[in-house]
PDB file of N, CA and C in Angstrom:
ATOM      1  N   MET A   1      -5.179   6.346  -3.941  1.00  0.00           N
ATOM      2  CA  MET A   1      -3.871   5.812  -3.690  1.00  0.00           C
ATOM      3  C   MET A   1      -3.388   5.250  -5.013  1.00  0.00           C
ATOM      4  N   TRP A   2      -2.323   5.849  -5.568  1.00  0.00           N
ATOM      5  CA  TRP A   2      -1.810   5.441  -6.870  1.00  0.00           C
ATOM      6  C   TRP A   2      -0.330   5.136  -6.772  1.00  0.00           C
ATOM      7  N   LEU A   3       0.091   4.132  -7.511  1.00  0.00           N
ATOM      8  CA  LEU A   3       1.498   3.774  -7.637  1.00  0.00           C
ATOM      9  C   LEU A   3       1.910   4.103  -9.056  1.00  0.00           C
ATOM     10  N   ILE A   4       2.875   4.992  -9.195  1.00  0.00           N
ATOM     11  CA  ILE A   4       3.415   5.346 -10.506  1.00  0.00           C
ATOM     12  C   ILE A   4       4.851   4.880 -10.522  1.00  0.00           C
ATOM     13  N   ARG A   5       5.221   4.143 -11.563  1.00  0.00           N
ATOM     14  CA  ARG A   5       6.566   3.578 -11.590  1.00  0.00           C
ATOM     15  C   ARG A   5       7.169   3.702 -12.975  1.00  0.00           C
ATOM     16  N   GLY A   6       8.494   3.508 -13.026  1.00  0.00           N
ATOM     17  CA  GLY A   6       9.214   3.495 -14.288  1.00  0.00           C
ATOM     18  C   GLY A   6       9.838   4.835 -14.616  1.00  0.00           C
ATOM     19  N   LEU A   7      11.128   4.839 -14.856  1.00  0.00           N
ATOM     20  CA  LEU A   7      11.819   6.066 -15.239  1.00  0.00           C
ATOM     21  C   LEU A   7      11.765   6.293 -16.745  1.00  0.00           C
ATOM     22  N   ALA A   8      11.930   5.237 -17.510  1.00  0.00           N
ATOM     23  CA  ALA A   8      11.898   5.358 -18.967  1.00  0.00           C
ATOM     24  C   ALA A   8      10.445   5.447 -19.436  1.00  0.00           C
ATOM     25  N   PRO A   9      10.173   6.268 -20.462  1.00  0.00           N
ATOM     26  CA  PRO A   9       8.787   6.447 -20.915  1.00  0.00           C
ATOM     27  C   PRO A   9       8.098   5.148 -21.325  1.00  0.00           C
ATOM     28  N   TRP A  10       8.828   4.210 -21.894  1.00  0.00           N
ATOM     29  CA  TRP A  10       8.220   2.959 -22.335  1.00  0.00           C
ATOM     30  C   TRP A  10       8.004   1.976 -21.186  1.00  0.00           C
ATOM     31  N   ARG A  11       8.541   2.281 -20.008  1.00  0.00           N
ATOM     32  CA  ARG A  11       8.371   1.420 -18.840  1.00  0.00           C
ATOM     33  C   ARG A  11       7.407   2.021 -17.813  1.00  0.00           C
ATOM     34  N   ARG A  12       6.900   3.192 -18.070  1.00  0.00           N
ATOM     35  CA  ARG A  12       6.029   3.849 -17.099  1.00  0.00           C
ATOM     36  C   ARG A  12       4.677   3.168 -17.023  1.00  0.00           C
ATOM     37  N   GLY A  13       4.120   3.252 -15.860  1.00  0.00           N
ATOM     38  CA  GLY A  13       2.789   2.705 -15.651  1.00  0.00           C
ATOM     39  C   GLY A  13       2.235   3.198 -14.334  1.00  0.00           C
ATOM     40  N   LYS A  14       0.944   3.103 -14.195  1.00  0.00           N
ATOM     41  CA  LYS A  14       0.334   3.467 -12.921  1.00  0.00           C
ATOM     42  C   LYS A  14      -0.853   2.555 -12.681  1.00  0.00           C
ATOM     43  N   LYS A  15      -1.080   2.294 -11.412  1.00  0.00           N
ATOM     44  CA  LYS A  15      -2.258   1.548 -11.014  1.00  0.00           C
ATOM     45  C   LYS A  15      -2.584   1.929  -9.590  1.00  0.00           C
ATOM     46  N   GLY A  16      -3.824   1.718  -9.209  1.00  0.00           N
ATOM     47  CA  GLY A  16      -4.202   2.082  -7.856  1.00  0.00           C
ATOM     48  C   GLY A  16      -5.695   2.021  -7.651  1.00  0.00           C
ATOM     49  N   PHE A  17      -6.118   2.578  -6.518  1.00  0.00           N
ATOM     50  CA  PHE A  17      -7.512   2.553  -6.100  1.00  0.00           C
ATOM     51  C   PHE A  17      -7.891   3.928  -5.573  1.00  0.00           C
ATOM     52  N   SER A  18      -9.181   4.221  -5.639  1.00  0.00           N
ATOM     53  CA  SER A  18      -9.661   5.413  -4.940  1.00  0.00           C
ATOM     54  C   SER A  18      -9.836   5.048  -3.464  1.00  0.00           C
ATOM     55  N   TRP A  19      -9.937   6.051  -2.612  1.00  0.00           N
ATOM     56  CA  TRP A  19     -10.086   5.794  -1.173  1.00  0.00           C
ATOM     57  C   TRP A  19     -11.332   4.973  -0.875  1.00  0.00           C
ATOM     58  N   LEU A  20     -12.377   5.145  -1.685  1.00  0.00           N
ATOM     59  CA  LEU A  20     -13.618   4.413  -1.442  1.00  0.00           C
ATOM     60  C   LEU A  20     -13.479   2.924  -1.721  1.00  0.00           C
ATOM     61  N   GLU A  21     -12.512   2.539  -2.547  1.00  0.00           N
ATOM     62  CA  GLU A  21     -12.320   1.136  -2.904  1.00  0.00           C
ATOM     63  C   GLU A  21     -11.441   0.372  -1.920  1.00  0.00           C
ATOM     64  N   ILE A  22     -10.644   1.064  -1.113  1.00  0.00           N
ATOM     65  CA  ILE A  22      -9.656   0.392  -0.264  1.00  0.00           C
ATOM     66  C   ILE A  22     -10.340  -0.247   0.938  1.00  0.00           C
ATOM     67  N   ASP A  23     -10.023  -1.517   1.167  1.00  0.00           N
ATOM     68  CA  ASP A  23     -10.545  -2.238   2.326  1.00  0.00           C
ATOM     69  C   ASP A  23      -9.574  -2.156   3.492  1.00  0.00           C
ATOM     70  N   GLU A  24      -8.311  -2.485   3.247  1.00  0.00           N
ATOM     71  CA  GLU A  24      -7.306  -2.434   4.304  1.00  0.00           C
ATOM     72  C   GLU A  24      -5.917  -2.397   3.684  1.00  0.00           C
ATOM     73  N   ALA A  25      -4.967  -2.011   4.504  1.00  0.00           N
ATOM     74  CA  ALA A  25      -3.557  -2.047   4.126  1.00  0.00           C
ATOM     75  C   ALA A  25      -2.817  -2.833   5.195  1.00  0.00           C
ATOM     76  N   PHE A  26      -1.848  -3.602   4.779  1.00  0.00           N
ATOM     77  CA  PHE A  26      -1.032  -4.334   5.742  1.00  0.00           C
ATOM     78  C   PHE A  26       0.382  -4.458   5.210  1.00  0.00           C
ATOM     79  N   CYS A  27       1.322  -4.691   6.122  1.00  0.00           N
ATOM     80  CA  CYS A  27       2.717  -4.819   5.712  1.00  0.00           C
ATOM     81  C   CYS A  27       3.214  -6.221   6.011  1.00  0.00           C
ATOM     82  N   ASN A  28       4.078  -6.680   5.144  1.00  0.00           N
ATOM     83  CA  ASN A  28       4.706  -7.985   5.290  1.00  0.00           C
ATOM     84  C   ASN A  28       6.154  -7.748   5.661  1.00  0.00           C
ATOM     85  N   GLY A  29       6.605  -8.437   6.664  1.00  0.00           N
ATOM     86  CA  GLY A  29       7.979  -8.236   7.100  1.00  0.00           C
ATOM     87  C   GLY A  29       8.661  -9.535   7.442  1.00  0.00           C
ATOM     88  N   SER A  30       9.952  -9.467   7.481  1.00  0.00           N
ATOM     89  CA  SER A  30      10.789 -10.588   7.888  1.00  0.00           C
ATOM     90  C   SER A  30      11.758 -10.059   8.936  1.00  0.00           C
ATOM     91  N   PRO A  31      12.543 -10.913   9.547  1.00  0.00           N
ATOM     92  CA  PRO A  31      13.542 -10.395  10.495  1.00  0.00           C
ATOM     93  C   PRO A  31      14.485  -9.374   9.852  1.00  0.00           C
ATOM     94  N   LEU A  32      14.815  -9.565   8.590  1.00  0.00           N
ATOM     95  CA  LEU A  32      15.657  -8.591   7.892  1.00  0.00           C
ATOM     96  C   LEU A  32      14.916  -7.269   7.708  1.00  0.00           C
ATOM     97  N   SER A  33      13.620  -7.343   7.452  1.00  0.00           N
ATOM     98  CA  SER A  33      12.820  -6.125   7.311  1.00  0.00           C
ATOM     99  C   SER A  33      12.807  -5.313   8.593  1.00  0.00           C
ATOM    100  N   VAL A  34      12.740  -5.989   9.717  1.00  0.00           N
ATOM    101  CA  VAL A  34      12.735  -5.292  11.004  1.00  0.00           C
ATOM    102  C   VAL A  34      14.067  -4.581  11.220  1.00  0.00           C
ATOM    103  N   LEU A  35      15.154  -5.224  10.846  1.00  0.00           N
ATOM    104  CA  LEU A  35      16.474  -4.607  11.016  1.00  0.00           C
ATOM    105  C   LEU A  35      16.684  -3.415  10.094  1.00  0.00           C
ATOM    106  N   THR A  36      16.203  -3.514   8.849  1.00  0.00           N
ATOM    107  CA  THR A  36      16.414  -2.442   7.875  1.00  0.00           C
ATOM    108  C   THR A  36      15.290  -1.419   7.866  1.00  0.00           C
ATOM    109  N   LYS A  37      14.209  -1.682   8.624  1.00  0.00           N
ATOM    110  CA  LYS A  37      13.021  -0.811   8.658  1.00  0.00           C
ATOM    111  C   LYS A  37      12.406  -0.652   7.270  1.00  0.00           C
ATOM    112  N   SER A  38      12.486  -1.693   6.453  1.00  0.00           N
ATOM    113  CA  SER A  38      11.963  -1.684   5.094  1.00  0.00           C
ATOM    114  C   SER A  38      10.933  -2.803   4.963  1.00  0.00           C
ATOM    115  N   TYR A  39       9.702  -2.449   4.642  1.00  0.00           N
ATOM    116  CA  TYR A  39       8.613  -3.417   4.604  1.00  0.00           C
ATOM    117  C   TYR A  39       7.934  -3.415   3.240  1.00  0.00           C
ATOM    118  N   ASP A  40       7.275  -4.524   2.919  1.00  0.00           N
ATOM    119  CA  ASP A  40       6.424  -4.610   1.742  1.00  0.00           C
ATOM    120  C   ASP A  40       5.011  -4.250   2.173  1.00  0.00           C
ATOM    121  N   ILE A  41       4.365  -3.370   1.428  1.00  0.00           N
ATOM    122  CA  ILE A  41       3.013  -2.918   1.742  1.00  0.00           C
ATOM    123  C   ILE A  41       2.047  -3.514   0.729  1.00  0.00           C
ATOM    124  N   THR A  42       0.942  -4.053   1.220  1.00  0.00           N
ATOM    125  CA  THR A  42      -0.110  -4.572   0.352  1.00  0.00           C
ATOM    126  C   THR A  42      -1.407  -3.857   0.691  1.00  0.00           C
ATOM    127  N   ILE A  43      -2.079  -3.354  -0.343  1.00  0.00           N
ATOM    128  CA  ILE A  43      -3.357  -2.665  -0.184  1.00  0.00           C
ATOM    129  C   ILE A  43      -4.417  -3.504  -0.881  1.00  0.00           C
ATOM    130  N   SER A  44      -5.453  -3.871  -0.147  1.00  0.00           N
ATOM    131  CA  SER A  44      -6.517  -4.732  -0.673  1.00  0.00           C
ATOM    132  C   SER A  44      -7.756  -3.906  -0.976  1.00  0.00           C
ATOM    133  N   PRO A  45      -8.357  -4.124  -2.134  1.00  0.00           N
ATOM    134  CA  PRO A  45      -9.619  -3.450  -2.438  1.00  0.00           C
ATOM    135  C   PRO A  45     -10.798  -4.186  -1.810  1.00  0.00           C
ATOM    136  N   ARG A  46     -11.915  -3.517  -1.694  1.00  0.00           N
ATOM    137  CA  ARG A  46     -13.105  -4.119  -1.086  1.00  0.00           C
ATOM    138  C   ARG A  46     -13.782  -5.134  -1.992  1.00  0.00           C
ATOM    139  N   PHE A  47     -13.827  -4.843  -3.267  1.00  0.00           N
ATOM    140  CA  PHE A  47     -14.714  -5.583  -4.159  1.00  0.00           C
ATOM    141  C   PHE A  47     -14.037  -6.688  -4.955  1.00  0.00           C
ATOM    142  N   ASN A  48     -12.711  -6.689  -5.060  1.00  0.00           N
ATOM    143  CA  ASN A  48     -12.018  -7.684  -5.870  1.00  0.00           C
ATOM    144  C   ASN A  48     -10.727  -8.081  -5.168  1.00  0.00           C
ATOM    145  N   ALA A  49     -10.736  -9.195  -4.471  1.00  0.00           N
ATOM    146  CA  ALA A  49      -9.573  -9.611  -3.681  1.00  0.00           C
ATOM    147  C   ALA A  49      -8.386 -10.005  -4.552  1.00  0.00           C
ATOM    148  N   ASN A  50      -8.622 -10.288  -5.819  1.00  0.00           N
ATOM    149  CA  ASN A  50      -7.531 -10.686  -6.711  1.00  0.00           C
ATOM    150  C   ASN A  50      -6.723  -9.500  -7.212  1.00  0.00           C
ATOM    151  N   ARG A  51      -7.181  -8.298  -6.980  1.00  0.00           N
ATOM    152  CA  ARG A  51      -6.552  -7.097  -7.527  1.00  0.00           C
ATOM    153  C   ARG A  51      -5.874  -6.288  -6.423  1.00  0.00           C
ATOM    154  N   GLN A  52      -4.875  -6.855  -5.790  1.00  0.00           N
ATOM    155  CA  GLN A  52      -4.166  -6.162  -4.719  1.00  0.00           C
ATOM    156  C   GLN A  52      -3.028  -5.329  -5.296  1.00  0.00           C
ATOM    157  N   LEU A  53      -2.682  -4.281  -4.581  1.00  0.00           N
ATOM    158  CA  LEU A  53      -1.562  -3.422  -4.943  1.00  0.00           C
ATOM    159  C   LEU A  53      -0.456  -3.667  -3.925  1.00  0.00           C
ATOM    160  N   THR A  54       0.702  -4.119  -4.389  1.00  0.00           N
ATOM    161  CA  THR A  54       1.828  -4.405  -3.504  1.00  0.00           C
ATOM    162  C   THR A  54       3.010  -3.535  -3.906  1.00  0.00           C
ATOM    163  N   VAL A  55       3.593  -2.882  -2.921  1.00  0.00           N
ATOM    164  CA  VAL A  55       4.783  -2.054  -3.122  1.00  0.00           C
ATOM    165  C   VAL A  55       5.877  -2.638  -2.237  1.00  0.00           C
ATOM    166  N   PHE A  56       7.032  -2.878  -2.816  1.00  0.00           N
ATOM    167  CA  PHE A  56       8.108  -3.564  -2.110  1.00  0.00           C
ATOM    168  C   PHE A  56       9.134  -2.589  -1.545  1.00  0.00           C
ATOM    169  N   HIS A  57       9.718  -2.966  -0.406  1.00  0.00           N
ATOM    170  CA  HIS A  57      10.860  -2.283   0.208  1.00  0.00           C
ATOM    171  C   HIS A  57      10.592  -0.801   0.489  1.00  0.00           C
ATOM    172  N   ILE A  58       9.550  -0.522   1.248  1.00  0.00           N
ATOM    173  CA  ILE A  58       9.212   0.849   1.631  1.00  0.00           C
ATOM    174  C   ILE A  58       9.807   1.132   3.005  1.00  0.00           C
ATOM    175  N   LYS A  59      10.633   2.168   3.080  1.00  0.00           N
ATOM    176  CA  LYS A  59      11.223   2.535   4.365  1.00  0.00           C
ATOM    177  C   LYS A  59      10.124   2.999   5.308  1.00  0.00           C
ATOM    178  N   HIS A  60      10.134   2.475   6.533  1.00  0.00           N
ATOM    179  CA  HIS A  60       9.109   2.751   7.545  1.00  0.00           C
ATOM    180  C   HIS A  60       7.710   2.445   6.998  1.00  0.00           C
ATOM    181  N   GLY A  61       7.586   1.335   6.310  1.00  0.00           N
ATOM    182  CA  GLY A  61       6.303   0.924   5.738  1.00  0.00           C
ATOM    183  C   GLY A  61       5.227   0.704   6.781  1.00  0.00           C
ATOM    184  N   GLU A  62       5.632   0.324   7.993  1.00  0.00           N
ATOM    185  CA  GLU A  62       4.636   0.118   9.049  1.00  0.00           C
ATOM    186  C   GLU A  62       3.945   1.423   9.402  1.00  0.00           C
ATOM    187  N   ARG A  63       4.657   2.536   9.300  1.00  0.00           N
ATOM    188  CA  ARG A  63       4.041   3.849   9.561  1.00  0.00           C
ATOM    189  C   ARG A  63       3.058   4.210   8.450  1.00  0.00           C
ATOM    190  N   ALA A  64       3.429   3.903   7.222  1.00  0.00           N
ATOM    191  CA  ALA A  64       2.537   4.178   6.091  1.00  0.00           C
ATOM    192  C   ALA A  64       1.248   3.375   6.213  1.00  0.00           C
ATOM    193  N   VAL A  65       1.366   2.110   6.580  1.00  0.00           N
ATOM    194  CA  VAL A  65       0.186   1.258   6.751  1.00  0.00           C
ATOM    195  C   VAL A  65      -0.690   1.789   7.878  1.00  0.00           C
ATOM    196  N   ALA A  66      -0.089   2.205   8.976  1.00  0.00           N
ATOM    197  CA  ALA A  66      -0.859   2.761  10.090  1.00  0.00           C
ATOM    198  C   ALA A  66      -1.589   4.033   9.662  1.00  0.00           C
ATOM    199  N   ALA A  67      -0.930   4.891   8.889  1.00  0.00           N
ATOM    200  CA  ALA A  67      -1.557   6.130   8.429  1.00  0.00           C
ATOM    201  C   ALA A  67      -2.717   5.839   7.476  1.00  0.00           C
ATOM    202  N   ILE A  68      -2.538   4.888   6.574  1.00  0.00           N
ATOM    203  CA  ILE A  68      -3.606   4.528   5.635  1.00  0.00           C
ATOM    204  C   ILE A  68      -4.800   3.961   6.387  1.00  0.00           C
ATOM    205  N   ASN A  69      -4.558   3.034   7.298  1.00  0.00           N
ATOM    206  CA  ASN A  69      -5.663   2.423   8.045  1.00  0.00           C
ATOM    207  C   ASN A  69      -6.352   3.422   8.969  1.00  0.00           C
ATOM    208  N   ASP A  70      -5.604   4.359   9.557  1.00  0.00           N
ATOM    209  CA  ASP A  70      -6.219   5.412  10.376  1.00  0.00           C
ATOM    210  C   ASP A  70      -7.138   6.285   9.532  1.00  0.00           C
ATOM    211  N   ARG A  71      -6.679   6.645   8.351  1.00  0.00           N
ATOM    212  CA  ARG A  71      -7.497   7.463   7.445  1.00  0.00           C
ATOM    213  C   ARG A  71      -8.772   6.717   7.047  1.00  0.00           C
ATOM    214  N   LEU A  72      -8.643   5.420   6.772  1.00  0.00           N
ATOM    215  CA  LEU A  72      -9.822   4.626   6.419  1.00  0.00           C
ATOM    216  C   LEU A  72     -10.815   4.569   7.576  1.00  0.00           C
ATOM    217  N   MET A  73     -10.311   4.436   8.803  1.00  0.00           N
ATOM    218  CA  MET A  73     -11.194   4.395   9.975  1.00  0.00           C
ATOM    219  C   MET A  73     -11.895   5.735  10.179  1.00  0.00           C
ATOM    220  N   GLN A  74     -11.191   6.840   9.943  1.00  0.00           N
ATOM    221  CA  GLN A  74     -11.805   8.160  10.066  1.00  0.00           C
ATOM    222  C   GLN A  74     -12.909   8.337   9.032  1.00  0.00           C
ATOM    223  N   ASP A  75     -12.656   7.880   7.803  1.00  0.00           N
ATOM    224  CA  ASP A  75     -13.666   8.004   6.754  1.00  0.00           C
ATOM    225  C   ASP A  75     -14.897   7.162   7.062  1.00  0.00           C
ATOM    226  N   MET A  76     -14.697   5.998   7.678  1.00  0.00           N
ATOM    227  CA  MET A  76     -15.830   5.140   8.026  1.00  0.00           C
ATOM    228  C   MET A  76     -16.640   5.734   9.173  1.00  0.00           C
ATOM    229  N   ALA A  77     -15.985   6.468  10.074  1.00  0.00           N
ATOM    230  CA  ALA A  77     -16.671   7.059  11.222  1.00  0.00           C
ATOM    231  C   ALA A  77     -17.550   8.239  10.811  1.00  0.00           C
ATOM    232  N   GLU A  78     -17.226   8.866   9.706  1.00  0.00           N
ATOM    233  CA  GLU A  78     -17.984  10.055   9.275  1.00  0.00           C
ATOM    234  C   GLU A  78     -19.242   9.709   8.553  1.00  0.00           C
TER     235      GLU A  78
END
């Protein structure tokens, strides 16, 4: 799971985790988020709680979080 950002070459960057490092994903919402269907997603790694990946204002972010957590559960079951 990687986040790549920045349109200008000097502003580009990427950060993320491999699937094996991800502990859980969750979304943060407010009443405005529910109305606009736009949520902030936070992905937590297993080994370093200080190194979270947060992406802001994702449309239907609750679906993305559900898909990530379902995939993690499937990988743990195997």
